Amino acid sequence: MSKLLSPVKLANLTLANRVVMSPMCMYEVKKEDGVAEPFHFVHYGARALSKAGLIIIEATAVEPDGRITNNDLGLWNEEQQTELTKLVELLHGFNAQVGIQLSHAGRKAVDATNPLAPSAVAFNERYPLPSEMTLAEIKRVQDSFVQAAQRAANAGVAMIELHGAHGYLMDQFLSPFVNQRTDQYGGSLENRYRFVKETVQAVRAVFSGALWMRLSLTDYEEPGRQNSLEDWQQVAQWLQADGIDCLDCSTGGVVDKKPNIPIYDGYQVPFAAAIKQVVDIPVAAVGLLDNPDLCEYLLQTNQVDLVLQGRALIRNVNWLADAAAKLHDKSFQAYNDSYQRGVKR
């Protein structure tokens, strides 16, 4: 029996295996109202049938100007919650565990009428200039996260991931380059963490399920213009203390720069492994982890606790079935009963 495809209990979340469908922006909301479309039911339903241990629904904005684009999902009103509830019920019908990623794009909200950020610094010349958030706006956005979390709970999700990576609002507050504030939300690492800390604690107070955080552990920037790995280890420890149950470790996105390190299968894993050394909560890895043998090795050597699959599950909805075959794991039933006729013997 492989570790990759074996059941696991992590805090208050029990999964059938350690393969998690990564939250990926699909940009399929045609009416620009933030409401789930038929696409989402088919897209996520197919991955539920393929037996992913956890399905994390894509980045879902907590307010209209927090969308990356106007074609993103949202969770700021009752109509959005109603359709999300239907989607979650569908996935539960296939015995899937379901989570959702809550996000605010901040200065990377390309279609926003009034983009907000810690400081009035645009992502690049193609993006609108954001307004520096007032203290009242900070509180309003934090309340929006709380209200979205309550709606997600009402919809029946088992976990919520707060999007603190890829250059979106929480990541912007954490960045020493993007965050140029001089008040209690800027300056020192502790101050830059304050927005995240208050939001995590407020969401934790209303949501009893599993609470995750996604982080970008390097900006591919020069020292001094980004947090060091030691800074991120400190942030990880603070997040654990503030109620986060799992850290989902990625890289990049806060500034307009491509990776300046070699790109190979699992190239982001060393960052996740460094975080795992300093926390007592599960750590998940992402990034070019298509090879089941590599995934199994990372789990067996305790470098990470979970593997998130994004593009691999887009390319191949039956990735788990293929992984079971490659790992010779005959204990894993890769399809539901109706599909067993299609299994190669």
C-alpha atoms as a PDB file:
ATOM      1  CA  MET A   1       0.000   0.000   0.000  1.00  0.00           C
ATOM      2  CA  SER A   2       1.430   3.389  -0.997  1.00  0.00           C
ATOM      3  CA  LYS A   3       1.513   6.314   1.398  1.00  0.00           C
ATOM      4  CA  LEU A   4       0.304   8.623  -1.370  1.00  0.00           C
ATOM      5  CA  LEU A   5      -2.964   6.728  -1.778  1.00  0.00           C
ATOM      6  CA  SER A   6      -3.524   5.716   1.850  1.00  0.00           C
ATOM      7  CA  PRO A   7      -6.057   7.341   4.193  1.00  0.00           C
ATOM      8  CA  VAL A   8      -4.800  10.042   6.526  1.00  0.00           C
ATOM      9  CA  LYS A   9      -6.205  12.093   9.406  1.00  0.00           C
ATOM     10  CA  LEU A  10      -4.882  15.629   9.661  1.00  0.00           C
ATOM     11  CA  ALA A  11      -6.154  17.627  12.626  1.00  0.00           C
ATOM     12  CA  ASN A  12      -9.953  17.618  12.177  1.00  0.00           C
ATOM     13  CA  LEU A  13      -9.902  16.491   8.534  1.00  0.00           C
ATOM     14  CA  THR A  14      -9.891  12.831   7.450  1.00  0.00           C
ATOM     15  CA  LEU A  15      -8.910  12.164   3.839  1.00  0.00           C
ATOM     16  CA  ALA A  16      -9.110   8.996   1.763  1.00  0.00           C
ATOM     17  CA  ASN A  17      -5.616   9.716   0.403  1.00  0.00           C
ATOM     18  CA  ARG A  18      -2.921  12.401   0.338  1.00  0.00           C
ATOM     19  CA  VAL A  19      -3.685  13.724  -3.157  1.00  0.00           C
ATOM     20  CA  VAL A  20      -5.332  17.142  -2.997  1.00  0.00           C
ATOM     21  CA  MET A  21      -6.819  18.962  -5.962  1.00  0.00           C
ATOM     22  CA  SER A  22      -5.099  22.325  -5.876  1.00  0.00           C
ATOM     23  CA  PRO A  23      -7.270  25.452  -6.089  1.00  0.00           C
ATOM     24  CA  MET A  24      -6.831  26.776  -9.622  1.00  0.00           C
ATOM     25  CA  CYS A  25      -8.445  29.845 -11.140  1.00  0.00           C
ATOM     26  CA  MET A  26     -10.663  28.688 -14.001  1.00  0.00           C
ATOM     27  CA  TYR A  27     -12.155  32.051 -15.104  1.00  0.00           C
ATOM     28  CA  GLU A  28     -15.406  30.357 -16.120  1.00  0.00           C
ATOM     29  CA  VAL A  29     -17.993  32.680 -14.530  1.00  0.00           C
ATOM     30  CA  LYS A  30     -19.632  33.947 -17.720  1.00  0.00           C
ATOM     31  CA  LYS A  31     -22.181  36.322 -16.192  1.00  0.00           C
ATOM     32  CA  GLU A  32     -19.524  38.068 -14.095  1.00  0.00           C
ATOM     33  CA  ASP A  33     -21.729  37.666 -11.012  1.00  0.00           C
ATOM     34  CA  GLY A  34     -19.431  35.354  -9.066  1.00  0.00           C
ATOM     35  CA  VAL A  35     -21.969  32.497  -9.187  1.00  0.00           C
ATOM     36  CA  ALA A  36     -20.891  28.924  -9.974  1.00  0.00           C
ATOM     37  CA  GLU A  37     -21.704  27.807 -13.518  1.00  0.00           C
ATOM     38  CA  PRO A  38     -22.499  24.342 -14.964  1.00  0.00           C
ATOM     39  CA  PHE A  39     -18.774  24.157 -15.823  1.00  0.00           C
ATOM     40  CA  HIS A  40     -17.876  24.034 -12.136  1.00  0.00           C
ATOM     41  CA  PHE A  41     -20.231  21.143 -11.443  1.00  0.00           C
ATOM     42  CA  VAL A  42     -18.748  19.095 -14.280  1.00  0.00           C
ATOM     43  CA  HIS A  43     -15.131  20.127 -13.633  1.00  0.00           C
ATOM     44  CA  TYR A  44     -15.098  19.390  -9.913  1.00  0.00           C
ATOM     45  CA  GLY A  45     -17.510  16.462 -10.208  1.00  0.00           C
ATOM     46  CA  ALA A  46     -15.128  14.650 -12.544  1.00  0.00           C
ATOM     47  CA  ARG A  47     -12.253  15.035 -10.066  1.00  0.00           C
ATOM     48  CA  ALA A  48     -14.475  13.817  -7.243  1.00  0.00           C
ATOM     49  CA  LEU A  49     -15.202  10.695  -9.293  1.00  0.00           C
ATOM     50  CA  SER A  50     -11.466  10.214  -9.760  1.00  0.00           C
ATOM     51  CA  LYS A  51     -11.135   9.899  -5.950  1.00  0.00           C
ATOM     52  CA  ALA A  52      -8.966  12.926  -5.084  1.00  0.00           C
ATOM     53  CA  GLY A  53      -8.593  12.951  -1.311  1.00  0.00           C
ATOM     54  CA  LEU A  54      -9.619  16.602  -1.054  1.00  0.00           C
ATOM     55  CA  ILE A  55     -11.007  18.979  -3.653  1.00  0.00           C
ATOM     56  CA  ILE A  56     -10.222  22.641  -3.020  1.00  0.00           C
ATOM     57  CA  ILE A  57     -12.519  24.873  -5.036  1.00  0.00           C
ATOM     58  CA  GLU A  58     -10.676  27.637  -6.849  1.00  0.00           C
ATOM     59  CA  ALA A  59      -9.831  31.115  -5.533  1.00  0.00           C
ATOM     60  CA  THR A  60     -13.156  32.632  -4.504  1.00  0.00           C
ATOM     61  CA  ALA A  61     -13.302  36.355  -3.871  1.00  0.00           C
ATOM     62  CA  VAL A  62     -14.668  37.757  -0.635  1.00  0.00           C
ATOM     63  CA  GLU A  63     -15.838  40.995  -2.290  1.00  0.00           C
ATOM     64  CA  PRO A  64     -16.381  42.223  -5.868  1.00  0.00           C
ATOM     65  CA  ASP A  65     -13.188  44.288  -6.122  1.00  0.00           C
ATOM     66  CA  GLY A  66     -11.263  41.380  -4.615  1.00  0.00           C
ATOM     67  CA  ARG A  67     -11.643  39.290  -7.765  1.00  0.00           C
ATOM     68  CA  ILE A  68      -8.592  38.682  -9.921  1.00  0.00           C
ATOM     69  CA  THR A  69     -10.932  39.034 -12.907  1.00  0.00           C
ATOM     70  CA  ASN A  70     -14.683  39.463 -13.191  1.00  0.00           C
ATOM     71  CA  ASN A  71     -14.894  35.835 -14.327  1.00  0.00           C
ATOM     72  CA  ASP A  72     -13.929  34.526 -10.873  1.00  0.00           C
ATOM     73  CA  LEU A  73     -16.143  32.876  -8.311  1.00  0.00           C
ATOM     74  CA  GLY A  74     -17.314  35.002  -5.398  1.00  0.00           C
ATOM     75  CA  LEU A  75     -18.833  34.421  -1.990  1.00  0.00           C
ATOM     76  CA  TRP A  76     -20.134  37.807  -0.882  1.00  0.00           C
ATOM     77  CA  ASN A  77     -23.876  37.192  -1.308  1.00  0.00           C
ATOM     78  CA  GLU A  78     -26.604  34.618  -0.765  1.00  0.00           C
ATOM     79  CA  GLU A  79     -27.026  33.666  -4.439  1.00  0.00           C
ATOM     80  CA  GLN A  80     -23.371  32.647  -4.590  1.00  0.00           C
ATOM     81  CA  GLN A  81     -23.762  30.657  -1.376  1.00  0.00           C
ATOM     82  CA  THR A  82     -26.829  28.864  -2.747  1.00  0.00           C
ATOM     83  CA  GLU A  83     -25.000  27.613  -5.839  1.00  0.00           C
ATOM     84  CA  LEU A  84     -21.906  26.730  -3.815  1.00  0.00           C
ATOM     85  CA  THR A  85     -24.119  24.637  -1.533  1.00  0.00           C
ATOM     86  CA  LYS A  86     -25.438  22.736  -4.559  1.00  0.00           C
ATOM     87  CA  LEU A  87     -21.885  22.158  -5.795  1.00  0.00           C
ATOM     88  CA  VAL A  88     -20.685  20.917  -2.403  1.00  0.00           C
ATOM     89  CA  GLU A  89     -23.686  18.588  -2.124  1.00  0.00           C
ATOM     90  CA  LEU A  90     -22.899  17.151  -5.563  1.00  0.00           C
ATOM     91  CA  LEU A  91     -19.288  16.462  -4.585  1.00  0.00           C
ATOM     92  CA  HIS A  92     -20.335  14.960  -1.263  1.00  0.00           C
ATOM     93  CA  GLY A  93     -22.538  12.614  -3.274  1.00  0.00           C
ATOM     94  CA  PHE A  94     -19.332  11.212  -4.775  1.00  0.00           C
ATOM     95  CA  ASN A  95     -17.839  10.837  -1.263  1.00  0.00           C
ATOM     96  CA  ALA A  96     -15.415  13.723  -1.769  1.00  0.00           C
ATOM     97  CA  GLN A  97     -14.055  15.960   0.938  1.00  0.00           C
ATOM     98  CA  VAL A  98     -14.505  19.555  -0.172  1.00  0.00           C
ATOM     99  CA  GLY A  99     -12.712  22.783   0.665  1.00  0.00           C
ATOM    100  CA  ILE A 100     -12.601  26.274  -0.786  1.00  0.00           C
ATOM    101  CA  GLN A 101      -9.918  28.909  -1.142  1.00  0.00           C
ATOM    102  CA  LEU A 102     -10.965  32.409  -0.045  1.00  0.00           C
ATOM    103  CA  SER A 103      -9.062  35.251  -1.613  1.00  0.00           C
ATOM    104  CA  HIS A 104      -8.737  38.976  -2.147  1.00  0.00           C
ATOM    105  CA  ALA A 105      -6.566  39.966  -5.097  1.00  0.00           C
ATOM    106  CA  GLY A 106      -5.596  43.406  -3.790  1.00  0.00           C
ATOM    107  CA  ARG A 107      -3.508  45.230  -6.379  1.00  0.00           C
ATOM    108  CA  LYS A 108      -3.732  42.242  -8.765  1.00  0.00           C
ATOM    109  CA  ALA A 109      -7.486  42.729  -9.269  1.00  0.00           C
ATOM    110  CA  VAL A 110      -7.227  43.632 -12.953  1.00  0.00           C
ATOM    111  CA  ASP A 111     -10.935  44.375 -13.470  1.00  0.00           C
ATOM    112  CA  ALA A 112     -11.558  46.185 -10.179  1.00  0.00           C
ATOM    113  CA  THR A 113     -13.124  49.626 -10.188  1.00  0.00           C
ATOM    114  CA  ASN A 114     -11.250  50.479  -6.999  1.00  0.00           C
ATOM    115  CA  PRO A 115      -8.323  48.102  -6.421  1.00  0.00           C
ATOM    116  CA  LEU A 116      -6.904  48.184  -2.912  1.00  0.00           C
ATOM    117  CA  ALA A 117      -3.454  47.368  -1.552  1.00  0.00           C
ATOM    118  CA  PRO A 118      -1.308  47.982   1.513  1.00  0.00           C
ATOM    119  CA  SER A 119       0.395  50.774  -0.445  1.00  0.00           C
ATOM    120  CA  ALA A 120      -0.322  52.659  -3.671  1.00  0.00           C
ATOM    121  CA  VAL A 121       2.104  50.666  -5.829  1.00  0.00           C
ATOM    122  CA  ALA A 122       0.911  48.961  -9.042  1.00  0.00           C
ATOM    123  CA  PHE A 123       1.967  45.392  -9.895  1.00  0.00           C
ATOM    124  CA  ASN A 124       3.213  46.556 -13.307  1.00  0.00           C
ATOM    125  CA  GLU A 125       2.285  49.069 -16.004  1.00  0.00           C
ATOM    126  CA  ARG A 126      -0.596  46.880 -17.226  1.00  0.00           C
ATOM    127  CA  TYR A 127      -2.319  46.856 -13.854  1.00  0.00           C
ATOM    128  CA  PRO A 128      -4.338  49.717 -12.344  1.00  0.00           C
ATOM    129  CA  LEU A 129      -2.813  51.840  -9.598  1.00  0.00           C
ATOM    130  CA  PRO A 130      -4.332  50.694  -6.290  1.00  0.00           C
ATOM    131  CA  SER A 131      -5.400  52.895  -3.412  1.00  0.00           C
ATOM    132  CA  GLU A 132      -3.591  52.514  -0.125  1.00  0.00           C
ATOM    133  CA  MET A 133      -6.048  50.922   2.275  1.00  0.00           C
ATOM    134  CA  THR A 134      -7.353  53.007   5.121  1.00  0.00           C
ATOM    135  CA  LEU A 135      -7.786  51.424   8.532  1.00  0.00           C
ATOM    136  CA  ALA A 136     -11.531  51.329   7.890  1.00  0.00           C
ATOM    137  CA  GLU A 137     -10.985  49.501   4.594  1.00  0.00           C
ATOM    138  CA  ILE A 138      -8.677  47.010   6.295  1.00  0.00           C
ATOM    139  CA  LYS A 139     -11.402  46.230   8.817  1.00  0.00           C
ATOM    140  CA  ARG A 140     -14.042  45.969   6.085  1.00  0.00           C
ATOM    141  CA  VAL A 141     -12.001  43.494   4.053  1.00  0.00           C
ATOM    142  CA  GLN A 142     -11.289  41.418   7.149  1.00  0.00           C
ATOM    143  CA  ASP A 143     -15.017  41.356   7.858  1.00  0.00           C
ATOM    144  CA  SER A 144     -15.572  40.236   4.255  1.00  0.00           C
ATOM    145  CA  PHE A 145     -13.291  37.244   4.853  1.00  0.00           C
ATOM    146  CA  VAL A 146     -15.270  36.373   7.977  1.00  0.00           C
ATOM    147  CA  GLN A 147     -18.618  36.656   6.210  1.00  0.00           C
ATOM    148  CA  ALA A 148     -17.368  34.536   3.294  1.00  0.00           C
ATOM    149  CA  ALA A 149     -16.083  31.933   5.741  1.00  0.00           C
ATOM    150  CA  GLN A 150     -19.494  31.796   7.373  1.00  0.00           C
ATOM    151  CA  ARG A 151     -21.137  31.329   3.972  1.00  0.00           C
ATOM    152  CA  ALA A 152     -18.634  28.595   3.114  1.00  0.00           C
ATOM    153  CA  ALA A 153     -19.455  26.843   6.379  1.00  0.00           C
ATOM    154  CA  ASN A 154     -23.172  27.144   5.612  1.00  0.00           C
ATOM    155  CA  ALA A 155     -22.489  25.582   2.201  1.00  0.00           C
ATOM    156  CA  GLY A 156     -20.958  22.544   3.912  1.00  0.00           C
ATOM    157  CA  VAL A 157     -17.238  22.745   3.161  1.00  0.00           C
ATOM    158  CA  ALA A 158     -14.882  20.812   5.429  1.00  0.00           C
ATOM    159  CA  MET A 159     -11.958  23.188   5.026  1.00  0.00           C
ATOM    160  CA  ILE A 160     -11.109  26.743   4.087  1.00  0.00           C
ATOM    161  CA  GLU A 161      -7.788  27.846   2.664  1.00  0.00           C
ATOM    162  CA  LEU A 162      -6.892  31.514   3.018  1.00  0.00           C
ATOM    163  CA  HIS A 163      -4.919  32.682  -0.002  1.00  0.00           C
ATOM    164  CA  GLY A 164      -1.751  34.269   1.333  1.00  0.00           C
ATOM    165  CA  ALA A 165       0.358  33.526  -1.742  1.00  0.00           C
ATOM    166  CA  HIS A 166       0.940  34.465  -5.391  1.00  0.00           C
ATOM    167  CA  GLY A 167       0.954  38.185  -4.799  1.00  0.00           C
ATOM    168  CA  TYR A 168      -2.617  38.616  -3.629  1.00  0.00           C
ATOM    169  CA  LEU A 169      -3.655  40.880  -0.769  1.00  0.00           C
ATOM    170  CA  MET A 170      -2.369  38.898   2.216  1.00  0.00           C
ATOM    171  CA  ASP A 171       0.908  38.285   0.402  1.00  0.00           C
ATOM    172  CA  GLN A 172       1.127  42.000  -0.373  1.00  0.00           C
ATOM    173  CA  PHE A 173       0.859  42.884   3.316  1.00  0.00           C
ATOM    174  CA  LEU A 174       3.617  40.398   4.162  1.00  0.00           C
ATOM    175  CA  SER A 175       5.995  41.725   1.488  1.00  0.00           C
ATOM    176  CA  PRO A 176       8.672  44.215   2.667  1.00  0.00           C
ATOM    177  CA  PHE A 177       8.805  45.616  -0.882  1.00  0.00           C
ATOM    178  CA  VAL A 178       5.109  45.987  -1.671  1.00  0.00           C
ATOM    179  CA  ASN A 179       4.043  47.001   1.835  1.00  0.00           C
ATOM    180  CA  GLN A 180       5.457  50.492   2.345  1.00  0.00           C
ATOM    181  CA  ARG A 181       3.127  51.494   5.178  1.00  0.00           C
ATOM    182  CA  THR A 182       4.379  53.356   8.220  1.00  0.00           C
ATOM    183  CA  ASP A 183       1.507  52.505  10.573  1.00  0.00           C
ATOM    184  CA  GLN A 184       0.861  49.366  12.644  1.00  0.00           C
ATOM    185  CA  TYR A 185       0.412  47.298   9.449  1.00  0.00           C
ATOM    186  CA  GLY A 186       3.826  48.087   7.953  1.00  0.00           C
ATOM    187  CA  GLY A 187       7.512  48.160   8.806  1.00  0.00           C
ATOM    188  CA  SER A 188       8.638  45.169  10.851  1.00  0.00           C
ATOM    189  CA  LEU A 189       7.792  41.586   9.964  1.00  0.00           C
ATOM    190  CA  GLU A 190       5.486  41.455  12.972  1.00  0.00           C
ATOM    191  CA  ASN A 191       3.636  44.556  11.785  1.00  0.00           C
ATOM    192  CA  ARG A 192       3.404  43.302   8.206  1.00  0.00           C
ATOM    193  CA  TYR A 193       1.950  40.066   9.575  1.00  0.00           C
ATOM    194  CA  ARG A 194      -0.713  41.922  11.567  1.00  0.00           C
ATOM    195  CA  PHE A 195      -3.325  41.982   8.751  1.00  0.00           C
ATOM    196  CA  VAL A 196      -2.918  38.229   8.238  1.00  0.00           C
ATOM    197  CA  LYS A 197      -2.947  37.515  11.966  1.00  0.00           C
ATOM    198  CA  GLU A 198      -6.161  39.439  12.596  1.00  0.00           C
ATOM    199  CA  THR A 199      -7.878  37.872   9.588  1.00  0.00           C
ATOM    200  CA  VAL A 200      -6.857  34.328  10.530  1.00  0.00           C
ATOM    201  CA  GLN A 201      -8.002  34.776  14.108  1.00  0.00           C
ATOM    202  CA  ALA A 202     -11.322  36.295  13.020  1.00  0.00           C
ATOM    203  CA  VAL A 203     -12.016  33.467  10.566  1.00  0.00           C
ATOM    204  CA  ARG A 204     -10.930  30.849  13.097  1.00  0.00           C
ATOM    205  CA  ALA A 205     -13.479  32.279  15.534  1.00  0.00           C
ATOM    206  CA  VAL A 206     -16.392  31.516  13.179  1.00  0.00           C
ATOM    207  CA  PHE A 207     -15.161  28.390  11.369  1.00  0.00           C
ATOM    208  CA  SER A 208     -14.615  25.113  13.219  1.00  0.00           C
ATOM    209  CA  GLY A 209     -13.431  23.102  10.214  1.00  0.00           C
ATOM    210  CA  ALA A 210      -9.906  22.723   8.899  1.00  0.00           C
ATOM    211  CA  LEU A 211      -8.251  26.090   8.251  1.00  0.00           C
ATOM    212  CA  TRP A 212      -5.301  26.216   5.857  1.00  0.00           C
ATOM    213  CA  MET A 213      -3.065  28.975   4.567  1.00  0.00           C
ATOM    214  CA  ARG A 214      -1.255  29.132   1.229  1.00  0.00           C
ATOM    215  CA  LEU A 215       2.080  30.953   1.270  1.00  0.00           C
ATOM    216  CA  SER A 216       4.635  31.985  -1.359  1.00  0.00           C
ATOM    217  CA  LEU A 217       7.998  31.295   0.258  1.00  0.00           C
ATOM    218  CA  THR A 218      10.149  33.298  -2.143  1.00  0.00           C
ATOM    219  CA  ASP A 219       9.467  36.229  -4.446  1.00  0.00           C
ATOM    220  CA  TYR A 220      12.552  35.521  -6.586  1.00  0.00           C
ATOM    221  CA  GLU A 221      13.780  38.921  -5.493  1.00  0.00           C
ATOM    222  CA  GLU A 222      17.045  40.239  -4.091  1.00  0.00           C
ATOM    223  CA  PRO A 223      17.677  39.981  -0.333  1.00  0.00           C
ATOM    224  CA  GLY A 224      16.140  42.925   1.461  1.00  0.00           C
ATOM    225  CA  ARG A 225      13.341  43.220  -1.086  1.00  0.00           C
ATOM    226  CA  GLN A 226      11.736  39.986   0.053  1.00  0.00           C
ATOM    227  CA  ASN A 227      11.291  37.969   3.224  1.00  0.00           C
ATOM    228  CA  SER A 228      14.072  35.511   3.974  1.00  0.00           C
ATOM    229  CA  LEU A 229      13.345  31.823   4.479  1.00  0.00           C
ATOM    230  CA  GLU A 230      13.913  32.421   8.186  1.00  0.00           C
ATOM    231  CA  ASP A 231      11.226  35.128   8.062  1.00  0.00           C
ATOM    232  CA  TRP A 232       8.822  32.663   6.475  1.00  0.00           C
ATOM    233  CA  GLN A 233       9.632  30.083   9.126  1.00  0.00           C
ATOM    234  CA  GLN A 234       8.692  32.684  11.740  1.00  0.00           C
ATOM    235  CA  VAL A 235       5.461  33.469   9.896  1.00  0.00           C
ATOM    236  CA  ALA A 236       4.678  29.751   9.752  1.00  0.00           C
ATOM    237  CA  GLN A 237       5.117  29.438  13.509  1.00  0.00           C
ATOM    238  CA  TRP A 238       2.875  32.446  14.082  1.00  0.00           C
ATOM    239  CA  LEU A 239       0.223  30.953  11.789  1.00  0.00           C
ATOM    240  CA  GLN A 240       0.275  27.705  13.728  1.00  0.00           C
ATOM    241  CA  ALA A 241      -0.174  29.616  16.977  1.00  0.00           C
ATOM    242  CA  ASP A 242      -3.047  31.616  15.475  1.00  0.00           C
ATOM    243  CA  GLY A 243      -5.053  28.546  14.478  1.00  0.00           C
ATOM    244  CA  ILE A 244      -3.908  27.403  11.047  1.00  0.00           C
ATOM    245  CA  ASP A 245      -4.130  23.611  10.627  1.00  0.00           C
ATOM    246  CA  CYS A 246      -2.028  23.134   7.476  1.00  0.00           C
ATOM    247  CA  LEU A 247       0.423  25.202   5.415  1.00  0.00           C
ATOM    248  CA  ASP A 248       0.235  24.948   1.630  1.00  0.00           C
ATOM    249  CA  CYS A 249       3.631  26.054   0.336  1.00  0.00           C
ATOM    250  CA  SER A 250       4.142  27.655  -3.051  1.00  0.00           C
ATOM    251  CA  THR A 251       6.371  30.451  -4.437  1.00  0.00           C
ATOM    252  CA  GLY A 252       6.288  33.666  -6.427  1.00  0.00           C
ATOM    253  CA  GLY A 253       3.698  36.129  -7.633  1.00  0.00           C
ATOM    254  CA  VAL A 254       4.027  39.229  -5.482  1.00  0.00           C
ATOM    255  CA  VAL A 255       6.302  40.997  -7.958  1.00  0.00           C
ATOM    256  CA  ASP A 256       6.486  40.685 -11.738  1.00  0.00           C
ATOM    257  CA  LYS A 257       9.447  38.292 -11.822  1.00  0.00           C
ATOM    258  CA  LYS A 258       9.934  34.765 -13.068  1.00  0.00           C
ATOM    259  CA  PRO A 259      11.748  32.089 -11.034  1.00  0.00           C
ATOM    260  CA  ASN A 260      15.509  32.622 -10.964  1.00  0.00           C
ATOM    261  CA  ILE A 261      16.240  29.103  -9.738  1.00  0.00           C
ATOM    262  CA  PRO A 262      16.415  25.831 -11.725  1.00  0.00           C
ATOM    263  CA  ILE A 263      12.974  24.481 -12.594  1.00  0.00           C
ATOM    264  CA  TYR A 264      12.740  20.713 -12.113  1.00  0.00           C
ATOM    265  CA  ASP A 265      10.158  18.233 -10.859  1.00  0.00           C
ATOM    266  CA  GLY A 266       9.346  19.226  -7.307  1.00  0.00           C
ATOM    267  CA  TYR A 267      11.446  22.411  -7.445  1.00  0.00           C
ATOM    268  CA  GLN A 268       9.316  24.096  -4.765  1.00  0.00           C
ATOM    269  CA  VAL A 269       9.523  21.195  -2.317  1.00  0.00           C
ATOM    270  CA  PRO A 270      12.696  22.427  -0.533  1.00  0.00           C
ATOM    271  CA  PHE A 271      10.755  25.486   0.629  1.00  0.00           C
ATOM    272  CA  ALA A 272       7.955  23.332   2.010  1.00  0.00           C
ATOM    273  CA  ALA A 273      10.467  21.004   3.670  1.00  0.00           C
ATOM    274  CA  ALA A 274      12.111  23.976   5.397  1.00  0.00           C
ATOM    275  CA  ILE A 275       8.743  25.015   6.818  1.00  0.00           C
ATOM    276  CA  LYS A 276       8.004  21.476   7.983  1.00  0.00           C
ATOM    277  CA  GLN A 277      11.172  21.596  10.096  1.00  0.00           C
ATOM    278  CA  VAL A 278       9.780  24.369  12.325  1.00  0.00           C
ATOM    279  CA  VAL A 279       6.063  23.599  12.725  1.00  0.00           C
ATOM    280  CA  ASP A 280       3.971  20.806  14.203  1.00  0.00           C
ATOM    281  CA  ILE A 281       1.149  21.034  11.660  1.00  0.00           C
ATOM    282  CA  PRO A 282       0.937  19.340   8.249  1.00  0.00           C
ATOM    283  CA  VAL A 283       2.731  20.906   5.298  1.00  0.00           C
ATOM    284  CA  ALA A 284       1.642  20.494   1.681  1.00  0.00           C
ATOM    285  CA  ALA A 285       3.809  20.776  -1.431  1.00  0.00           C
ATOM    286  CA  VAL A 286       2.951  21.963  -4.940  1.00  0.00           C
ATOM    287  CA  GLY A 287       4.681  22.406  -8.271  1.00  0.00           C
ATOM    288  CA  LEU A 288       5.631  19.905 -11.001  1.00  0.00           C
ATOM    289  CA  LEU A 289       4.737  16.880  -8.911  1.00  0.00           C
ATOM    290  CA  ASP A 290       3.265  14.844 -11.763  1.00  0.00           C
ATOM    291  CA  ASN A 291       5.451  11.798 -11.080  1.00  0.00           C
ATOM    292  CA  PRO A 292       3.791   9.430  -8.563  1.00  0.00           C
ATOM    293  CA  ASP A 293       7.161   7.907  -7.622  1.00  0.00           C
ATOM    294  CA  LEU A 294       8.477  11.336  -6.655  1.00  0.00           C
ATOM    295  CA  CYS A 295       5.327  12.081  -4.667  1.00  0.00           C
ATOM    296  CA  GLU A 296       5.633   8.786  -2.811  1.00  0.00           C
ATOM    297  CA  TYR A 297       9.315   9.454  -2.069  1.00  0.00           C
ATOM    298  CA  LEU A 298       8.573  12.906  -0.642  1.00  0.00           C
ATOM    299  CA  LEU A 299       5.924  11.445   1.643  1.00  0.00           C
ATOM    300  CA  GLN A 300       7.996   8.414   2.701  1.00  0.00           C
ATOM    301  CA  THR A 301      10.936  10.670   3.593  1.00  0.00           C
ATOM    302  CA  ASN A 302       8.629  13.004   5.563  1.00  0.00           C
ATOM    303  CA  GLN A 303       9.603  16.067   3.561  1.00  0.00           C
ATOM    304  CA  VAL A 304       5.901  16.908   3.189  1.00  0.00           C
ATOM    305  CA  ASP A 305       2.556  15.546   4.379  1.00  0.00           C
ATOM    306  CA  LEU A 306       0.339  16.154   1.356  1.00  0.00           C
ATOM    307  CA  VAL A 307       0.750  16.589  -2.388  1.00  0.00           C
ATOM    308  CA  LEU A 308      -1.337  19.137  -4.278  1.00  0.00           C
ATOM    309  CA  GLN A 309      -2.061  18.424  -7.924  1.00  0.00           C
ATOM    310  CA  GLY A 310      -3.118  21.260 -10.206  1.00  0.00           C
ATOM    311  CA  ARG A 311      -2.263  21.106 -13.880  1.00  0.00           C
ATOM    312  CA  ALA A 312      -1.732  17.345 -13.643  1.00  0.00           C
ATOM    313  CA  LEU A 313      -5.419  16.897 -12.806  1.00  0.00           C
ATOM    314  CA  ILE A 314      -6.406  19.204 -15.651  1.00  0.00           C
ATOM    315  CA  ARG A 315      -4.344  17.184 -18.116  1.00  0.00           C
ATOM    316  CA  ASN A 316      -5.440  13.840 -16.741  1.00  0.00           C
ATOM    317  CA  VAL A 317      -8.620  13.499 -14.720  1.00  0.00           C
ATOM    318  CA  ASN A 318      -7.584   9.896 -13.948  1.00  0.00           C
ATOM    319  CA  TRP A 319      -4.194  10.831 -12.509  1.00  0.00           C
ATOM    320  CA  LEU A 320      -4.890   8.901  -9.306  1.00  0.00           C
ATOM    321  CA  ALA A 321      -5.753   5.742 -11.228  1.00  0.00           C
ATOM    322  CA  ASP A 322      -2.525   5.999 -13.179  1.00  0.00           C
ATOM    323  CA  ALA A 323      -0.612   6.664  -9.968  1.00  0.00           C
ATOM    324  CA  ALA A 324      -2.059   3.540  -8.379  1.00  0.00           C
ATOM    325  CA  ALA A 325      -0.943   1.478 -11.362  1.00  0.00           C
ATOM    326  CA  LYS A 326       2.558   2.952 -11.354  1.00  0.00           C
ATOM    327  CA  LEU A 327       2.942   2.442  -7.604  1.00  0.00           C
ATOM    328  CA  HIS A 328       1.492  -1.104  -7.836  1.00  0.00           C
ATOM    329  CA  ASP A 329      -1.061  -0.146  -5.204  1.00  0.00           C
ATOM    330  CA  LYS A 330      -3.837  -2.667  -5.714  1.00  0.00           C
ATOM    331  CA  SER A 331      -5.568  -1.632  -2.487  1.00  0.00           C
ATOM    332  CA  PHE A 332      -6.643   1.683  -4.020  1.00  0.00           C
ATOM    333  CA  GLN A 333      -9.915   1.489  -5.944  1.00  0.00           C
ATOM    334  CA  ALA A 334      -9.310   4.185  -8.500  1.00  0.00           C
ATOM    335  CA  TYR A 335     -12.804   4.314  -9.968  1.00  0.00           C
ATOM    336  CA  ASN A 336     -16.341   3.991  -8.741  1.00  0.00           C
ATOM    337  CA  ASP A 337     -18.166   0.726  -9.408  1.00  0.00           C
ATOM    338  CA  SER A 338     -19.686   1.896 -12.688  1.00  0.00           C
ATOM    339  CA  TYR A 339     -16.237   2.506 -14.180  1.00  0.00           C
ATOM    340  CA  GLN A 340     -14.615  -0.776 -13.219  1.00  0.00           C
ATOM    341  CA  ARG A 341     -15.201  -2.195 -16.728  1.00  0.00           C
ATOM    342  CA  GLY A 342     -12.705   0.351 -18.014  1.00  0.00           C
ATOM    343  CA  VAL A 343      -9.844  -0.741 -15.768  1.00  0.00           C
ATOM    344  CA  LYS A 344      -6.978  -2.455 -17.576  1.00  0.00           C
ATOM    345  CA  ARG A 345      -6.428  -5.957 -16.193  1.00  0.00           C
END
